[in-house]
Amino acid sequence: MIYDAGNAFCKSLECSPIIAAVFSSDDLQEALLSPCEVIFLLGGNVCELQELVHRTHDQQKKMYVHLDLLTGLGKDQYAVQYLKDTFTVDGIITTKSNIVKYAKDIGLFVIQRFFMLDSKAFDSALKTVKNVDADSIEILPGIIPGIIAQISRQTKIPVIGGGLIRTKKEAIECLKAGGLGVSTSCKDIWHM
């Protein structure tokens, strides 16, 4: 049977829609103790990455590394190839469309992040989503469920809400709007 990373990602979020967004090894330890099945690594460096991924997988959880925020590694196709060949990350997160395309070409699961600042950013994101083949997208800030609902209705790509989600109510609103998951660094929400 062929492993389907997209299907595995969606199934994990169906079981546990809260995503632990971690910035450090200390945050990771708490995330590993939470019911979150998916972890977004939004910091760290390439020297500690193997250990963090190993610890995550030991707990039967999935780790997606934000390439743009990882230090010690370039932000180009060679960095993507190195992450795939050297580490067993479940996928990457990026804001860069060229990285999405390259990562998809080599068979890596990709989440593309979009920052919704105004209507122009919304239109640009929608156009990009329709032209770039990311496996999932993350809309920031996640406290704008109306935008999440619009994008969910206009695309078939799973949508994650992230950024500035500080309460359980905000997380629930994001999910009700059509988000498949919610990424947050708020540890109280990890235990929802």
N, C-alpha and C. Protein backbone atom coordinates (compact mmCIF):
# COMPACT_ATOMS: atom_id res chain seq x y z
N MET A 1 0.84 -1.19 0.00
CA MET A 1 0.00 0.00 0.00
C MET A 1 0.88 1.25 0.00
N ILE A 2 0.55 2.23 -0.82
CA ILE A 2 1.31 3.48 -0.90
C ILE A 2 0.86 4.41 0.21
N TYR A 3 1.82 5.02 0.90
CA TYR A 3 1.53 5.96 1.98
C TYR A 3 1.05 7.27 1.37
N ASP A 4 -0.10 7.75 1.78
CA ASP A 4 -0.65 8.99 1.29
C ASP A 4 -0.53 10.05 2.38
N ALA A 5 0.48 10.91 2.25
CA ALA A 5 0.76 11.92 3.28
C ALA A 5 -0.40 12.87 3.47
N GLY A 6 -1.08 13.23 2.38
CA GLY A 6 -2.22 14.14 2.49
C GLY A 6 -3.36 13.52 3.25
N ASN A 7 -3.64 12.26 2.97
CA ASN A 7 -4.70 11.55 3.67
C ASN A 7 -4.35 11.39 5.14
N ALA A 8 -3.10 11.08 5.44
CA ALA A 8 -2.67 10.92 6.83
C ALA A 8 -2.78 12.24 7.58
N PHE A 9 -2.43 13.34 6.93
CA PHE A 9 -2.52 14.67 7.53
C PHE A 9 -3.98 14.98 7.88
N CYS A 10 -4.88 14.79 6.92
CA CYS A 10 -6.30 15.08 7.14
C CYS A 10 -6.89 14.19 8.22
N LYS A 11 -6.53 12.92 8.23
CA LYS A 11 -7.04 12.00 9.26
C LYS A 11 -6.56 12.43 10.65
N SER A 12 -5.31 12.87 10.75
CA SER A 12 -4.79 13.33 12.04
C SER A 12 -5.58 14.53 12.54
N LEU A 13 -5.91 15.46 11.62
CA LEU A 13 -6.65 16.65 12.03
C LEU A 13 -8.12 16.35 12.30
N GLU A 14 -8.67 15.35 11.64
CA GLU A 14 -10.04 14.94 11.94
C GLU A 14 -10.13 14.39 13.35
N CYS A 15 -9.09 13.68 13.78
CA CYS A 15 -9.06 13.12 15.14
C CYS A 15 -8.74 14.19 16.18
N SER A 16 -7.86 15.10 15.84
CA SER A 16 -7.39 16.12 16.77
C SER A 16 -7.10 17.40 15.98
N PRO A 17 -8.09 18.30 15.83
CA PRO A 17 -7.94 19.44 14.94
C PRO A 17 -7.05 20.57 15.46
N ILE A 18 -6.60 20.48 16.68
CA ILE A 18 -5.70 21.51 17.20
C ILE A 18 -4.26 21.11 16.89
N ILE A 19 -3.52 22.05 16.32
CA ILE A 19 -2.12 21.84 15.95
C ILE A 19 -1.25 22.63 16.92
N ALA A 20 -0.30 21.95 17.54
CA ALA A 20 0.62 22.63 18.46
C ALA A 20 1.69 23.34 17.64
N ALA A 21 1.71 24.67 17.73
CA ALA A 21 2.73 25.47 17.06
C ALA A 21 3.84 25.72 18.08
N VAL A 22 5.02 25.18 17.84
CA VAL A 22 6.11 25.27 18.82
C VAL A 22 7.29 26.06 18.24
N PHE A 23 7.96 26.75 19.13
CA PHE A 23 9.10 27.57 18.75
C PHE A 23 10.42 27.04 19.29
N SER A 24 10.34 26.16 20.30
CA SER A 24 11.56 25.71 20.96
C SER A 24 11.41 24.27 21.44
N SER A 25 12.52 23.72 21.89
CA SER A 25 12.55 22.38 22.44
C SER A 25 11.66 22.28 23.68
N ASP A 26 11.64 23.32 24.50
CA ASP A 26 10.78 23.32 25.69
C ASP A 26 9.30 23.26 25.30
N ASP A 27 8.92 24.05 24.29
CA ASP A 27 7.54 24.01 23.80
C ASP A 27 7.21 22.62 23.27
N LEU A 28 8.16 22.02 22.58
CA LEU A 28 7.93 20.70 22.00
C LEU A 28 7.60 19.69 23.08
N GLN A 29 8.32 19.73 24.18
CA GLN A 29 8.07 18.76 25.26
C GLN A 29 6.64 18.84 25.73
N GLU A 30 6.12 20.06 25.90
CA GLU A 30 4.74 20.20 26.34
C GLU A 30 3.76 19.75 25.26
N ALA A 31 4.08 20.03 23.99
CA ALA A 31 3.22 19.60 22.89
C ALA A 31 3.15 18.08 22.80
N LEU A 32 4.26 17.43 23.09
CA LEU A 32 4.29 15.96 23.04
C LEU A 32 3.41 15.34 24.12
N LEU A 33 3.18 16.08 25.19
CA LEU A 33 2.33 15.60 26.28
C LEU A 33 0.85 15.94 26.05
N SER A 34 0.58 16.74 25.04
CA SER A 34 -0.79 17.17 24.73
C SER A 34 -1.46 16.14 23.81
N PRO A 35 -2.77 16.26 23.64
CA PRO A 35 -3.45 15.36 22.70
C PRO A 35 -3.25 15.74 21.23
N CYS A 36 -2.56 16.84 20.94
CA CYS A 36 -2.32 17.25 19.55
C CYS A 36 -1.55 16.16 18.81
N GLU A 37 -2.03 15.79 17.63
CA GLU A 37 -1.35 14.79 16.82
C GLU A 37 -0.39 15.41 15.81
N VAL A 38 -0.61 16.71 15.53
CA VAL A 38 0.20 17.42 14.54
C VAL A 38 0.93 18.57 15.23
N ILE A 39 2.21 18.70 14.89
CA ILE A 39 3.05 19.76 15.45
C ILE A 39 3.67 20.56 14.32
N PHE A 40 3.57 21.88 14.42
CA PHE A 40 4.24 22.78 13.49
C PHE A 40 5.47 23.33 14.22
N LEU A 41 6.66 23.08 13.67
CA LEU A 41 7.89 23.64 14.23
C LEU A 41 8.13 24.99 13.55
N LEU A 42 8.00 26.06 14.33
CA LEU A 42 8.10 27.42 13.81
C LEU A 42 9.37 28.12 14.27
N GLY A 43 10.41 27.37 14.48
CA GLY A 43 11.68 27.93 14.92
C GLY A 43 12.70 26.81 15.01
N GLY A 44 13.80 27.11 15.68
CA GLY A 44 14.84 26.11 15.84
C GLY A 44 15.89 26.21 14.76
N ASN A 45 16.81 25.28 14.82
CA ASN A 45 17.90 25.29 13.85
C ASN A 45 18.15 23.88 13.33
N VAL A 46 18.87 23.82 12.26
CA VAL A 46 19.10 22.55 11.58
C VAL A 46 19.89 21.57 12.45
N CYS A 47 20.70 22.08 13.38
CA CYS A 47 21.51 21.20 14.24
C CYS A 47 20.66 20.40 15.22
N GLU A 48 19.54 20.93 15.63
CA GLU A 48 18.69 20.22 16.59
C GLU A 48 17.50 19.52 15.93
N LEU A 49 17.34 19.70 14.64
CA LEU A 49 16.15 19.21 13.96
C LEU A 49 15.98 17.70 14.06
N GLN A 50 17.03 16.94 13.83
CA GLN A 50 16.91 15.48 13.85
C GLN A 50 16.38 14.99 15.20
N GLU A 51 16.89 15.56 16.29
CA GLU A 51 16.43 15.16 17.62
C GLU A 51 14.96 15.51 17.82
N LEU A 52 14.54 16.70 17.38
CA LEU A 52 13.16 17.13 17.56
C LEU A 52 12.20 16.26 16.76
N VAL A 53 12.57 15.94 15.54
CA VAL A 53 11.74 15.07 14.70
C VAL A 53 11.66 13.67 15.33
N HIS A 54 12.79 13.17 15.79
CA HIS A 54 12.83 11.83 16.40
C HIS A 54 11.93 11.77 17.64
N ARG A 55 12.02 12.78 18.50
CA ARG A 55 11.18 12.82 19.71
C ARG A 55 9.70 12.86 19.34
N THR A 56 9.39 13.61 18.32
CA THR A 56 7.99 13.74 17.87
C THR A 56 7.48 12.41 17.35
N HIS A 57 8.25 11.78 16.49
CA HIS A 57 7.82 10.50 15.92
C HIS A 57 7.77 9.39 16.96
N ASP A 58 8.62 9.46 17.97
CA ASP A 58 8.57 8.48 19.06
C ASP A 58 7.22 8.51 19.79
N GLN A 59 6.58 9.68 19.76
CA GLN A 59 5.27 9.83 20.41
C GLN A 59 4.12 9.65 19.42
N GLN A 60 4.42 9.12 18.23
CA GLN A 60 3.41 8.85 17.19
C GLN A 60 2.71 10.13 16.72
N LYS A 61 3.45 11.22 16.69
CA LYS A 61 2.91 12.50 16.22
C LYS A 61 3.63 12.91 14.94
N LYS A 62 3.05 13.85 14.22
CA LYS A 62 3.62 14.31 12.95
C LYS A 62 4.22 15.70 13.12
N MET A 63 5.36 15.93 12.45
CA MET A 63 6.01 17.24 12.52
C MET A 63 6.17 17.84 11.13
N TYR A 64 5.72 19.09 11.02
CA TYR A 64 5.86 19.87 9.81
C TYR A 64 6.74 21.07 10.14
N VAL A 65 7.81 21.23 9.39
CA VAL A 65 8.83 22.23 9.69
C VAL A 65 8.64 23.46 8.81
N HIS A 66 8.60 24.62 9.44
CA HIS A 66 8.47 25.87 8.69
C HIS A 66 9.86 26.23 8.16
N LEU A 67 10.09 25.92 6.89
CA LEU A 67 11.39 26.13 6.27
C LEU A 67 11.84 27.58 6.36
N ASP A 68 10.92 28.53 6.20
CA ASP A 68 11.27 29.95 6.22
C ASP A 68 11.81 30.39 7.59
N LEU A 69 11.43 29.68 8.65
CA LEU A 69 11.81 30.08 10.02
C LEU A 69 12.91 29.22 10.62
N LEU A 70 13.32 28.18 9.93
CA LEU A 70 14.40 27.30 10.40
C LEU A 70 15.74 27.95 10.09
N THR A 71 16.60 28.08 11.10
CA THR A 71 17.90 28.71 10.86
C THR A 71 18.95 27.65 10.55
N GLY A 72 19.99 28.09 9.84
CA GLY A 72 21.11 27.21 9.51
C GLY A 72 20.93 26.48 8.19
N LEU A 73 19.89 26.83 7.46
CA LEU A 73 19.62 26.18 6.19
C LEU A 73 19.09 27.23 5.23
N GLY A 74 19.50 27.15 3.98
CA GLY A 74 19.02 28.10 2.99
C GLY A 74 17.53 27.95 2.77
N LYS A 75 16.97 28.84 2.02
CA LYS A 75 15.53 28.83 1.72
C LYS A 75 15.34 28.61 0.22
N ASP A 76 15.93 27.53 -0.28
CA ASP A 76 15.88 27.26 -1.71
C ASP A 76 15.62 25.78 -1.95
N GLN A 77 15.67 25.37 -3.22
CA GLN A 77 15.36 23.98 -3.57
C GLN A 77 16.34 22.99 -2.94
N TYR A 78 17.57 23.41 -2.72
CA TYR A 78 18.55 22.51 -2.12
C TYR A 78 18.23 22.26 -0.65
N ALA A 79 17.72 23.27 0.02
CA ALA A 79 17.31 23.11 1.41
C ALA A 79 16.14 22.13 1.50
N VAL A 80 15.20 22.26 0.58
CA VAL A 80 14.05 21.35 0.55
C VAL A 80 14.52 19.92 0.32
N GLN A 81 15.41 19.74 -0.64
CA GLN A 81 15.93 18.41 -0.93
C GLN A 81 16.68 17.84 0.28
N TYR A 82 17.46 18.68 0.95
CA TYR A 82 18.21 18.26 2.13
C TYR A 82 17.26 17.84 3.26
N LEU A 83 16.20 18.61 3.48
CA LEU A 83 15.22 18.24 4.50
C LEU A 83 14.59 16.89 4.19
N LYS A 84 14.28 16.67 2.94
CA LYS A 84 13.64 15.41 2.53
C LYS A 84 14.61 14.23 2.68
N ASP A 85 15.84 14.42 2.22
CA ASP A 85 16.81 13.32 2.20
C ASP A 85 17.42 13.02 3.57
N THR A 86 17.58 14.03 4.39
CA THR A 86 18.33 13.88 5.64
C THR A 86 17.44 13.68 6.87
N PHE A 87 16.30 14.33 6.87
CA PHE A 87 15.40 14.28 8.04
C PHE A 87 14.11 13.59 7.63
N THR A 88 13.41 13.09 8.58
CA THR A 88 12.16 12.40 8.28
C THR A 88 10.95 13.28 8.64
N VAL A 89 11.04 14.56 8.29
CA VAL A 89 9.91 15.45 8.56
C VAL A 89 8.71 14.96 7.76
N ASP A 90 7.54 15.20 8.30
CA ASP A 90 6.32 14.79 7.61
C ASP A 90 5.94 15.75 6.49
N GLY A 91 6.54 16.93 6.52
CA GLY A 91 6.29 17.92 5.49
C GLY A 91 6.89 19.25 5.89
N ILE A 92 6.69 20.24 5.01
CA ILE A 92 7.20 21.57 5.29
C ILE A 92 6.08 22.59 5.22
N ILE A 93 6.36 23.75 5.79
CA ILE A 93 5.48 24.91 5.74
C ILE A 93 6.32 26.02 5.11
N THR A 94 5.71 26.80 4.22
CA THR A 94 6.42 27.91 3.60
C THR A 94 5.43 28.94 3.09
N THR A 95 5.91 30.15 2.90
CA THR A 95 5.11 31.20 2.27
C THR A 95 5.46 31.34 0.79
N LYS A 96 6.48 30.65 0.35
CA LYS A 96 7.05 30.84 -0.99
C LYS A 96 6.51 29.84 -2.01
N SER A 97 5.85 30.36 -3.04
CA SER A 97 5.25 29.50 -4.06
C SER A 97 6.27 28.66 -4.81
N ASN A 98 7.46 29.22 -5.06
CA ASN A 98 8.48 28.43 -5.78
C ASN A 98 8.94 27.24 -4.94
N ILE A 99 8.99 27.39 -3.63
CA ILE A 99 9.36 26.29 -2.74
C ILE A 99 8.25 25.25 -2.72
N VAL A 100 6.99 25.69 -2.73
CA VAL A 100 5.86 24.76 -2.77
C VAL A 100 5.98 23.87 -4.00
N LYS A 101 6.20 24.50 -5.14
CA LYS A 101 6.29 23.74 -6.39
C LYS A 101 7.44 22.73 -6.35
N TYR A 102 8.59 23.17 -5.91
CA TYR A 102 9.73 22.25 -5.87
C TYR A 102 9.49 21.11 -4.89
N ALA A 103 8.98 21.42 -3.71
CA ALA A 103 8.73 20.39 -2.70
C ALA A 103 7.72 19.36 -3.22
N LYS A 104 6.68 19.82 -3.87
CA LYS A 104 5.69 18.91 -4.44
C LYS A 104 6.33 18.02 -5.52
N ASP A 105 7.20 18.62 -6.34
CA ASP A 105 7.86 17.85 -7.40
C ASP A 105 8.70 16.69 -6.86
N ILE A 106 9.24 16.85 -5.64
CA ILE A 106 10.06 15.77 -5.08
C ILE A 106 9.28 14.91 -4.08
N GLY A 107 7.97 15.13 -4.01
CA GLY A 107 7.11 14.26 -3.20
C GLY A 107 7.01 14.62 -1.73
N LEU A 108 7.26 15.87 -1.38
CA LEU A 108 7.16 16.30 0.02
C LEU A 108 5.81 16.97 0.25
N PHE A 109 5.19 16.69 1.39
CA PHE A 109 3.92 17.31 1.76
C PHE A 109 4.18 18.78 2.08
N VAL A 110 3.32 19.68 1.56
CA VAL A 110 3.57 21.12 1.71
C VAL A 110 2.31 21.86 2.18
N ILE A 111 2.53 22.69 3.19
CA ILE A 111 1.50 23.61 3.67
C ILE A 111 1.99 25.01 3.31
N GLN A 112 1.17 25.75 2.57
CA GLN A 112 1.55 27.12 2.21
C GLN A 112 0.81 28.09 3.11
N ARG A 113 1.56 29.03 3.68
CA ARG A 113 1.00 30.04 4.59
C ARG A 113 0.68 31.31 3.83
N PHE A 114 -0.47 31.91 4.18
CA PHE A 114 -0.87 33.19 3.61
C PHE A 114 -1.26 34.14 4.72
N PHE A 115 -0.78 35.36 4.64
CA PHE A 115 -1.11 36.40 5.61
C PHE A 115 -2.18 37.29 5.00
N MET A 116 -3.34 37.36 5.64
CA MET A 116 -4.46 38.15 5.13
C MET A 116 -4.41 39.55 5.75
N LEU A 117 -3.84 40.47 5.00
CA LEU A 117 -3.69 41.84 5.48
C LEU A 117 -4.79 42.76 4.96
N ASP A 118 -5.27 42.47 3.76
CA ASP A 118 -6.29 43.30 3.14
C ASP A 118 -6.92 42.53 1.98
N SER A 119 -7.83 43.17 1.25
CA SER A 119 -8.52 42.47 0.17
C SER A 119 -7.57 42.10 -0.97
N LYS A 120 -6.53 42.86 -1.18
CA LYS A 120 -5.55 42.53 -2.21
C LYS A 120 -4.81 41.24 -1.84
N ALA A 121 -4.46 41.09 -0.57
CA ALA A 121 -3.80 39.86 -0.10
C ALA A 121 -4.74 38.67 -0.27
N PHE A 122 -6.03 38.87 0.01
CA PHE A 122 -7.02 37.81 -0.17
C PHE A 122 -7.08 37.37 -1.63
N ASP A 123 -7.20 38.33 -2.54
CA ASP A 123 -7.28 38.02 -3.98
C ASP A 123 -6.01 37.32 -4.46
N SER A 124 -4.87 37.80 -4.00
CA SER A 124 -3.60 37.19 -4.39
C SER A 124 -3.49 35.76 -3.87
N ALA A 125 -3.89 35.55 -2.63
CA ALA A 125 -3.84 34.21 -2.04
C ALA A 125 -4.76 33.26 -2.80
N LEU A 126 -5.96 33.70 -3.11
CA LEU A 126 -6.90 32.84 -3.83
C LEU A 126 -6.36 32.48 -5.20
N LYS A 127 -5.76 33.43 -5.89
CA LYS A 127 -5.17 33.16 -7.21
C LYS A 127 -4.02 32.16 -7.08
N THR A 128 -3.17 32.36 -6.06
CA THR A 128 -2.03 31.46 -5.85
C THR A 128 -2.51 30.05 -5.53
N VAL A 129 -3.50 29.93 -4.66
CA VAL A 129 -4.03 28.62 -4.27
C VAL A 129 -4.53 27.86 -5.49
N LYS A 130 -5.13 28.57 -6.41
CA LYS A 130 -5.68 27.91 -7.61
C LYS A 130 -4.58 27.53 -8.61
N ASN A 131 -3.41 28.17 -8.51
CA ASN A 131 -2.33 27.92 -9.48
C ASN A 131 -1.16 27.11 -8.92
N VAL A 132 -1.03 27.06 -7.61
CA VAL A 132 0.07 26.33 -6.97
C VAL A 132 -0.54 25.14 -6.24
N ASP A 133 0.14 24.03 -6.28
CA ASP A 133 -0.44 22.77 -5.82
C ASP A 133 -0.05 22.40 -4.39
N ALA A 134 -0.24 23.31 -3.44
CA ALA A 134 0.04 22.97 -2.04
C ALA A 134 -0.94 21.90 -1.58
N ASP A 135 -0.53 21.09 -0.59
CA ASP A 135 -1.40 20.06 -0.05
C ASP A 135 -2.43 20.64 0.90
N SER A 136 -2.05 21.72 1.57
CA SER A 136 -2.92 22.41 2.51
C SER A 136 -2.46 23.86 2.56
N ILE A 137 -3.34 24.72 3.02
CA ILE A 137 -2.95 26.12 3.20
C ILE A 137 -3.27 26.54 4.62
N GLU A 138 -2.50 27.49 5.12
CA GLU A 138 -2.75 28.05 6.44
C GLU A 138 -3.01 29.53 6.26
N ILE A 139 -4.13 30.01 6.82
CA ILE A 139 -4.53 31.40 6.72
C ILE A 139 -4.23 32.07 8.06
N LEU A 140 -3.49 33.19 8.01
CA LEU A 140 -3.15 33.94 9.20
C LEU A 140 -3.61 35.39 9.04
N PRO A 141 -4.14 36.03 10.04
CA PRO A 141 -4.45 35.44 11.34
C PRO A 141 -5.71 34.58 11.28
N GLY A 142 -5.73 33.57 12.11
CA GLY A 142 -6.82 32.62 12.13
C GLY A 142 -8.07 33.15 12.81
N ILE A 143 -8.01 34.37 13.31
CA ILE A 143 -9.17 34.95 13.99
C ILE A 143 -10.12 35.62 13.01
N ILE A 144 -9.95 35.32 11.73
CA ILE A 144 -10.85 35.87 10.71
C ILE A 144 -11.62 34.72 10.04
N PRO A 145 -12.55 34.12 10.78
CA PRO A 145 -13.25 32.95 10.25
C PRO A 145 -13.99 33.22 8.95
N GLY A 146 -14.44 34.45 8.72
CA GLY A 146 -15.13 34.76 7.48
C GLY A 146 -14.26 34.51 6.26
N ILE A 147 -12.98 34.85 6.36
CA ILE A 147 -12.04 34.64 5.26
C ILE A 147 -11.77 33.14 5.09
N ILE A 148 -11.63 32.44 6.21
CA ILE A 148 -11.42 30.99 6.15
C ILE A 148 -12.61 30.33 5.46
N ALA A 149 -13.82 30.77 5.79
CA ALA A 149 -15.02 30.21 5.16
C ALA A 149 -15.02 30.47 3.65
N GLN A 150 -14.68 31.69 3.24
CA GLN A 150 -14.65 32.01 1.81
C GLN A 150 -13.64 31.16 1.06
N ILE A 151 -12.45 31.03 1.59
CA ILE A 151 -11.42 30.25 0.91
C ILE A 151 -11.80 28.77 0.90
N SER A 152 -12.36 28.28 1.99
CA SER A 152 -12.78 26.88 2.05
C SER A 152 -13.84 26.58 0.99
N ARG A 153 -14.75 27.52 0.77
CA ARG A 153 -15.80 27.32 -0.23
C ARG A 153 -15.26 27.37 -1.66
N GLN A 154 -14.20 28.15 -1.88
CA GLN A 154 -13.72 28.37 -3.25
C GLN A 154 -12.58 27.45 -3.67
N THR A 155 -12.09 26.62 -2.76
CA THR A 155 -11.01 25.70 -3.11
C THR A 155 -11.32 24.32 -2.53
N LYS A 156 -10.58 23.34 -2.97
CA LYS A 156 -10.72 21.99 -2.43
C LYS A 156 -9.53 21.63 -1.54
N ILE A 157 -8.69 22.61 -1.25
CA ILE A 157 -7.49 22.39 -0.45
C ILE A 157 -7.84 22.56 1.03
N PRO A 158 -7.43 21.64 1.89
CA PRO A 158 -7.70 21.78 3.33
C PRO A 158 -7.11 23.09 3.87
N VAL A 159 -7.91 23.80 4.66
CA VAL A 159 -7.53 25.10 5.21
C VAL A 159 -7.29 24.98 6.71
N ILE A 160 -6.21 25.58 7.16
CA ILE A 160 -5.86 25.64 8.58
C ILE A 160 -5.88 27.11 8.98
N GLY A 161 -6.43 27.42 10.12
CA GLY A 161 -6.39 28.78 10.65
C GLY A 161 -5.26 28.86 11.66
N GLY A 162 -4.48 29.92 11.60
CA GLY A 162 -3.37 30.07 12.53
C GLY A 162 -3.08 31.53 12.81
N GLY A 163 -2.40 31.79 13.90
CA GLY A 163 -1.99 33.14 14.22
C GLY A 163 -3.03 33.89 15.04
N LEU A 164 -2.62 34.36 16.19
CA LEU A 164 -3.44 35.17 17.10
C LEU A 164 -4.63 34.44 17.70
N ILE A 165 -4.67 33.14 17.58
CA ILE A 165 -5.76 32.37 18.20
C ILE A 165 -5.36 32.13 19.66
N ARG A 166 -6.10 32.79 20.56
CA ARG A 166 -5.73 32.76 21.98
C ARG A 166 -6.78 32.15 22.89
N THR A 167 -7.97 31.89 22.34
CA THR A 167 -9.03 31.32 23.18
C THR A 167 -9.64 30.10 22.49
N LYS A 168 -10.27 29.27 23.30
CA LYS A 168 -10.96 28.10 22.76
C LYS A 168 -12.09 28.54 21.84
N LYS A 169 -12.76 29.63 22.19
CA LYS A 169 -13.85 30.15 21.36
C LYS A 169 -13.33 30.51 19.97
N GLU A 170 -12.19 31.17 19.88
CA GLU A 170 -11.63 31.53 18.58
C GLU A 170 -11.26 30.28 17.78
N ALA A 171 -10.73 29.28 18.44
CA ALA A 171 -10.38 28.02 17.76
C ALA A 171 -11.64 27.35 17.22
N ILE A 172 -12.68 27.30 18.02
CA ILE A 172 -13.94 26.69 17.60
C ILE A 172 -14.55 27.44 16.43
N GLU A 173 -14.51 28.77 16.48
CA GLU A 173 -15.06 29.58 15.37
C GLU A 173 -14.30 29.30 14.07
N CYS A 174 -13.00 29.14 14.15
CA CYS A 174 -12.19 28.84 12.98
C CYS A 174 -12.60 27.48 12.40
N LEU A 175 -12.80 26.50 13.25
CA LEU A 175 -13.20 25.16 12.79
C LEU A 175 -14.61 25.18 12.21
N LYS A 176 -15.52 25.91 12.85
CA LYS A 176 -16.89 26.02 12.34
C LYS A 176 -16.95 26.71 10.99
N ALA A 177 -15.99 27.59 10.73
CA ALA A 177 -15.96 28.31 9.46
C ALA A 177 -15.49 27.43 8.30
N GLY A 178 -15.02 26.24 8.62
CA GLY A 178 -14.58 25.33 7.56
C GLY A 178 -13.12 24.97 7.64
N GLY A 179 -12.42 25.47 8.64
CA GLY A 179 -11.02 25.10 8.81
C GLY A 179 -10.91 23.63 9.21
N LEU A 180 -9.98 22.93 8.61
CA LEU A 180 -9.75 21.53 8.97
C LEU A 180 -9.02 21.45 10.31
N GLY A 181 -8.21 22.47 10.59
CA GLY A 181 -7.44 22.49 11.82
C GLY A 181 -7.13 23.91 12.23
N VAL A 182 -6.56 24.04 13.43
CA VAL A 182 -6.17 25.33 13.99
C VAL A 182 -4.77 25.18 14.55
N SER A 183 -3.84 26.03 14.10
CA SER A 183 -2.51 26.00 14.69
C SER A 183 -2.39 27.15 15.68
N THR A 184 -1.87 26.84 16.85
CA THR A 184 -1.75 27.87 17.88
C THR A 184 -0.58 27.55 18.81
N SER A 185 0.04 28.60 19.31
CA SER A 185 1.09 28.42 20.31
C SER A 185 0.52 28.54 21.72
N CYS A 186 -0.77 28.78 21.83
CA CYS A 186 -1.45 28.89 23.13
C CYS A 186 -1.62 27.49 23.73
N LYS A 187 -0.84 27.19 24.74
CA LYS A 187 -0.79 25.84 25.29
C LYS A 187 -2.09 25.36 25.89
N ASP A 188 -2.91 26.29 26.41
CA ASP A 188 -4.20 25.90 26.97
C ASP A 188 -5.10 25.28 25.90
N ILE A 189 -4.99 25.81 24.69
CA ILE A 189 -5.84 25.30 23.60
C ILE A 189 -5.36 23.92 23.14
N TRP A 190 -4.08 23.61 23.29
CA TRP A 190 -3.58 22.30 22.91
C TRP A 190 -4.35 21.19 23.60
N HIS A 191 -4.88 21.45 24.76
CA HIS A 191 -5.55 20.42 25.56
C HIS A 191 -7.06 20.48 25.44
N MET A 192 -7.56 21.09 24.36
CA MET A 192 -9.00 21.20 24.13
C MET A 192 -9.63 19.85 23.92
